[in-house]
């Protein structure tokens, strides 16, 4: 850490690498990652670098649409848990999108 108590770039890179090695590259982590992107664009999750919370509704919609496309393309090929997580993520994100678009 530097004198301000902040992580420097090398420490952040090391922490990110360690986290990536712990997370398996599986379908559920893909859904979670894509969902987090949508939440970021909805202004619900901070930018990992700046900490800012910016709303970018077109990008949020695109992220949600990508999850819906993934659902369509994988129909019949997912485990029960994978289907439930994906369906719930899409539903929750769509509801949150409506709330944010209405200004709530």
Protein backbone atom coordinates (compact mmCIF):
# COMPACT_ATOMS: atom_id res chain seq x y z
CA UNK A 1 0.00 0.00 0.00
CA UNK A 2 1.11 3.53 -0.60
CA UNK A 3 1.23 6.26 2.00
CA UNK A 4 -2.48 7.03 1.49
CA UNK A 5 -3.47 3.46 2.33
CA UNK A 6 -4.36 2.68 -1.29
CA UNK A 7 -3.26 -0.34 -3.28
CA UNK A 8 -0.84 0.33 -6.07
CA UNK A 9 -1.27 -1.14 -9.55
CA UNK A 10 1.02 -4.12 -8.90
CA UNK A 11 -0.89 -5.10 -5.75
CA UNK A 12 -4.23 -4.83 -7.58
CA UNK A 13 -2.93 -6.94 -10.46
CA UNK A 14 -1.65 -9.60 -8.06
CA UNK A 15 -4.99 -9.66 -6.19
CA UNK A 16 -6.92 -9.94 -9.46
CA UNK A 17 -4.71 -12.79 -10.66
CA UNK A 18 -5.16 -14.67 -7.38
CA UNK A 19 -8.93 -14.23 -7.59
CA UNK A 20 -9.01 -15.41 -11.22
CA UNK A 21 -7.12 -18.55 -10.27
CA UNK A 22 -9.66 -19.32 -7.52
CA UNK A 23 -12.74 -18.92 -9.73
CA UNK A 24 -13.45 -21.77 -12.12
CA UNK A 25 -14.28 -20.82 -15.70
CA UNK A 26 -17.78 -22.28 -15.58
CA UNK A 27 -21.24 -21.28 -16.72
CA UNK A 28 -22.39 -19.92 -13.35
CA UNK A 29 -19.38 -17.62 -13.07
CA UNK A 30 -20.04 -16.40 -16.61
CA UNK A 31 -23.63 -15.50 -15.64
CA UNK A 32 -22.45 -13.76 -12.47
CA UNK A 33 -19.81 -11.81 -14.39
CA UNK A 34 -22.26 -10.70 -17.06
CA UNK A 35 -24.84 -9.81 -14.40
CA UNK A 36 -22.27 -7.70 -12.59
CA UNK A 37 -21.57 -5.84 -15.83
CA UNK A 38 -25.26 -5.06 -16.17
CA UNK A 39 -25.42 -3.89 -12.54
CA UNK A 40 -22.42 -1.66 -13.16
CA UNK A 41 -24.14 -0.07 -16.16
CA UNK A 42 -27.31 0.37 -14.10
CA UNK A 43 -25.27 2.36 -11.58
CA UNK A 44 -25.69 -0.28 -8.86
CA UNK A 45 -22.06 -1.44 -8.80
CA UNK A 46 -19.03 0.85 -8.69
CA UNK A 47 -16.42 0.98 -11.39
CA UNK A 48 -13.60 -1.26 -10.12
CA UNK A 49 -10.95 1.33 -11.01
CA UNK A 50 -12.55 4.69 -10.22
CA UNK A 51 -15.25 3.68 -7.76
CA UNK A 52 -17.72 5.86 -9.69
CA UNK A 53 -21.32 4.77 -10.19
CA UNK A 54 -22.41 5.85 -13.65
CA UNK A 55 -25.66 4.87 -15.34
CA UNK A 56 -25.33 3.77 -18.96
CA UNK A 57 -28.74 2.34 -19.79
CA UNK A 58 -28.00 1.33 -23.41
CA UNK A 59 -25.06 -0.77 -22.20
CA UNK A 60 -27.16 -2.21 -19.36
CA UNK A 61 -29.83 -3.23 -21.85
CA UNK A 62 -27.18 -4.79 -24.09
CA UNK A 63 -25.77 -6.83 -21.18
CA UNK A 64 -29.25 -8.04 -20.24
CA UNK A 65 -30.00 -8.88 -23.88
CA UNK A 66 -26.78 -10.90 -24.07
CA UNK A 67 -27.88 -12.95 -21.06
CA UNK A 68 -31.28 -13.52 -22.68
CA UNK A 69 -29.58 -14.62 -25.93
CA UNK A 70 -27.38 -16.98 -23.92
CA UNK A 71 -30.52 -18.42 -22.33
CA UNK A 72 -32.10 -18.98 -25.74
CA UNK A 73 -28.97 -20.58 -27.21
CA UNK A 74 -28.39 -22.91 -24.25
CA UNK A 75 -32.01 -23.99 -23.69
CA UNK A 76 -32.10 -27.72 -22.96
CA UNK A 77 -28.35 -27.91 -22.32
CA UNK A 78 -28.12 -26.49 -18.79
CA UNK A 79 -28.33 -28.13 -15.40
CA UNK A 80 -31.29 -27.22 -13.24
CA UNK A 81 -29.16 -24.93 -11.10
CA UNK A 82 -27.66 -23.18 -14.14
CA UNK A 83 -31.11 -22.58 -15.65
CA UNK A 84 -32.49 -21.23 -12.35
CA UNK A 85 -29.57 -18.87 -11.81
CA UNK A 86 -29.70 -17.58 -15.38
CA UNK A 87 -33.49 -17.12 -15.36
CA UNK A 88 -33.43 -15.35 -12.00
CA UNK A 89 -30.56 -13.09 -13.05
CA UNK A 90 -32.39 -12.05 -16.21
CA UNK A 91 -35.63 -11.42 -14.32
CA UNK A 92 -33.92 -9.41 -11.56
CA UNK A 93 -31.92 -7.33 -14.03
CA UNK A 94 -34.96 -6.57 -16.17
CA UNK A 95 -36.92 -5.43 -13.12
CA UNK A 96 -34.01 -3.28 -11.96
CA UNK A 97 -33.64 -1.83 -15.46
CA UNK A 98 -37.27 -0.69 -15.38
CA UNK A 99 -36.77 0.89 -11.95
CA UNK A 100 -33.66 2.77 -13.03
CA UNK A 101 -35.21 3.86 -16.34
CA UNK A 102 -38.18 5.28 -14.42
CA UNK A 103 -35.83 7.13 -12.09
CA UNK A 104 -36.51 5.16 -8.93
